[in-house]
Amino acid sequence: MFLQILRCPFSHSPLTLAEPSLVDALNEKVAAGELRNRSGDLVERRLDGGLVDAQRQWLFPIFEQIPQLIADEAIPLVDAAASVEVPHE
């Protein structure tokens, strides 16, 4: 129910839980030191999950069951820095 009220800070579209395969792929990038967020900072913590916007452009990381909805913490999914296969529903 909580998920239904969350919105993307950019587009205000609904957010959905990221597929485990996407989270796993991003965590591989974290382990390799290759994943950066919107502000250009290296993501150093493993993601516990993520929330994806309706346009599938941004993933908002979940750490310790807390969604990080700060715009600069968002991970671009269409950016070459992420370079992961984004599954479509």
C-alpha atoms as a PDB file:
ATOM      1  CA  MET A   1       0.000   0.000   0.000  1.00  0.00           C
ATOM      2  CA  PHE A   2       2.890   2.366   0.826  1.00  0.00           C
ATOM      3  CA  LEU A   3       4.323   1.831  -2.666  1.00  0.00           C
ATOM      4  CA  GLN A   4       1.120   3.150  -4.268  1.00  0.00           C
ATOM      5  CA  ILE A   5       1.680   6.657  -2.889  1.00  0.00           C
ATOM      6  CA  LEU A   6       5.343   6.977  -3.893  1.00  0.00           C
ATOM      7  CA  ARG A   7       6.103   9.044  -6.991  1.00  0.00           C
ATOM      8  CA  CYS A   8       9.171   9.781  -9.074  1.00  0.00           C
ATOM      9  CA  PRO A   9      10.680  13.133  -8.008  1.00  0.00           C
ATOM     10  CA  PHE A  10      11.267  14.023 -11.687  1.00  0.00           C
ATOM     11  CA  SER A  11       8.131  12.970 -13.579  1.00  0.00           C
ATOM     12  CA  HIS A  12       5.772  12.353 -10.647  1.00  0.00           C
ATOM     13  CA  SER A  13       4.925   9.008 -12.259  1.00  0.00           C
ATOM     14  CA  PRO A  14       4.234   5.950 -10.079  1.00  0.00           C
ATOM     15  CA  LEU A  15       7.184   3.849  -8.954  1.00  0.00           C
ATOM     16  CA  THR A  16       7.365   0.063  -9.125  1.00  0.00           C
ATOM     17  CA  LEU A  17       9.721  -2.411  -7.517  1.00  0.00           C
ATOM     18  CA  ALA A  18      12.737  -3.222  -9.658  1.00  0.00           C
ATOM     19  CA  GLU A  19      13.091  -6.776 -10.900  1.00  0.00           C
ATOM     20  CA  PRO A  20      15.663  -8.833  -8.971  1.00  0.00           C
ATOM     21  CA  SER A  21      17.651  -9.339 -12.191  1.00  0.00           C
ATOM     22  CA  LEU A  22      18.048  -5.567 -12.588  1.00  0.00           C
ATOM     23  CA  VAL A  23      19.124  -5.145  -8.959  1.00  0.00           C
ATOM     24  CA  ASP A  24      21.618  -8.004  -9.369  1.00  0.00           C
ATOM     25  CA  ALA A  25      23.076  -6.429 -12.521  1.00  0.00           C
ATOM     26  CA  LEU A  26      23.438  -3.066 -10.796  1.00  0.00           C
ATOM     27  CA  ASN A  27      25.056  -4.715  -7.775  1.00  0.00           C
ATOM     28  CA  GLU A  28      27.636  -6.248 -10.118  1.00  0.00           C
ATOM     29  CA  LYS A  29      28.435  -2.702 -11.265  1.00  0.00           C
ATOM     30  CA  VAL A  30      28.691  -1.582  -7.616  1.00  0.00           C
ATOM     31  CA  ALA A  31      31.143  -4.411  -6.871  1.00  0.00           C
ATOM     32  CA  ALA A  32      33.230  -3.438  -9.909  1.00  0.00           C
ATOM     33  CA  GLY A  33      33.227   0.249  -8.910  1.00  0.00           C
ATOM     34  CA  GLU A  34      31.418   1.223 -12.114  1.00  0.00           C
ATOM     35  CA  LEU A  35      28.002   2.496 -10.989  1.00  0.00           C
ATOM     36  CA  ARG A  36      27.356   6.213 -10.594  1.00  0.00           C
ATOM     37  CA  ASN A  37      24.252   8.075  -9.519  1.00  0.00           C
ATOM     38  CA  ARG A  38      22.676  11.174 -11.042  1.00  0.00           C
ATOM     39  CA  SER A  39      25.105  13.507  -9.268  1.00  0.00           C
ATOM     40  CA  GLY A  40      28.073  11.539 -10.624  1.00  0.00           C
ATOM     41  CA  ASP A  41      29.028   9.998  -7.286  1.00  0.00           C
ATOM     42  CA  LEU A  42      30.168   6.399  -7.173  1.00  0.00           C
ATOM     43  CA  VAL A  43      27.548   4.096  -5.642  1.00  0.00           C
ATOM     44  CA  GLU A  44      29.511   2.188  -3.004  1.00  0.00           C
ATOM     45  CA  ARG A  45      26.764   0.277  -1.173  1.00  0.00           C
ATOM     46  CA  ARG A  46      25.024  -2.849  -2.435  1.00  0.00           C
ATOM     47  CA  LEU A  47      21.409  -2.196  -3.330  1.00  0.00           C
ATOM     48  CA  ASP A  48      18.819  -4.104  -1.307  1.00  0.00           C
ATOM     49  CA  GLY A  49      16.295  -3.275  -4.015  1.00  0.00           C
ATOM     50  CA  GLY A  50      15.103  -0.368  -6.079  1.00  0.00           C
ATOM     51  CA  LEU A  51      12.112   1.568  -7.322  1.00  0.00           C
ATOM     52  CA  VAL A  52      11.813   2.295 -11.039  1.00  0.00           C
ATOM     53  CA  ASP A  53       9.851   5.140 -12.616  1.00  0.00           C
ATOM     54  CA  ALA A  54       7.155   4.474 -15.236  1.00  0.00           C
ATOM     55  CA  GLN A  55       9.438   5.587 -18.098  1.00  0.00           C
ATOM     56  CA  ARG A  56      12.157   3.176 -16.848  1.00  0.00           C
ATOM     57  CA  GLN A  57      14.762   5.936 -16.890  1.00  0.00           C
ATOM     58  CA  TRP A  58      15.620   6.053 -13.180  1.00  0.00           C
ATOM     59  CA  LEU A  59      16.106   3.599 -10.351  1.00  0.00           C
ATOM     60  CA  PHE A  60      15.830   4.899  -6.807  1.00  0.00           C
ATOM     61  CA  PRO A  61      17.902   2.625  -4.576  1.00  0.00           C
ATOM     62  CA  ILE A  62      16.592   0.889  -1.484  1.00  0.00           C
ATOM     63  CA  PHE A  63      19.063   0.516   1.384  1.00  0.00           C
ATOM     64  CA  GLU A  64      18.063  -1.318   4.567  1.00  0.00           C
ATOM     65  CA  GLN A  65      14.392  -1.293   3.454  1.00  0.00           C
ATOM     66  CA  ILE A  66      14.391   2.509   3.056  1.00  0.00           C
ATOM     67  CA  PRO A  67      13.759   3.944  -0.443  1.00  0.00           C
ATOM     68  CA  GLN A  68      16.123   6.792  -1.325  1.00  0.00           C
ATOM     69  CA  LEU A  69      13.949   9.291  -3.208  1.00  0.00           C
ATOM     70  CA  ILE A  70      16.523  12.084  -3.255  1.00  0.00           C
ATOM     71  CA  ALA A  71      16.941  13.152  -6.890  1.00  0.00           C
ATOM     72  CA  ASP A  72      20.756  13.096  -6.849  1.00  0.00           C
ATOM     73  CA  GLU A  73      20.758   9.518  -5.466  1.00  0.00           C
ATOM     74  CA  ALA A  74      18.836   8.211  -8.503  1.00  0.00           C
ATOM     75  CA  ILE A  75      20.657   5.781 -10.778  1.00  0.00           C
ATOM     76  CA  PRO A  76      20.182   6.461 -14.498  1.00  0.00           C
ATOM     77  CA  LEU A  77      19.019   3.352 -16.342  1.00  0.00           C
ATOM     78  CA  VAL A  78      19.382   4.825 -19.835  1.00  0.00           C
ATOM     79  CA  ASP A  79      22.869   6.193 -19.191  1.00  0.00           C
ATOM     80  CA  ALA A  80      25.883   4.323 -20.509  1.00  0.00           C
ATOM     81  CA  ALA A  81      27.266   4.448 -16.958  1.00  0.00           C
ATOM     82  CA  ALA A  82      24.609   1.984 -15.864  1.00  0.00           C
ATOM     83  CA  SER A  83      24.851  -0.086 -19.082  1.00  0.00           C
ATOM     84  CA  VAL A  84      22.563  -2.814 -17.871  1.00  0.00           C
ATOM     85  CA  GLU A  85      19.760  -4.580 -19.658  1.00  0.00           C
ATOM     86  CA  VAL A  86      16.557  -3.021 -18.331  1.00  0.00           C
ATOM     87  CA  PRO A  87      13.788  -5.632 -18.419  1.00  0.00           C
ATOM     88  CA  HIS A  88      10.427  -4.393 -19.659  1.00  0.00           C
ATOM     89  CA  GLU A  89       7.183  -5.553 -18.120  1.00  0.00           C
END
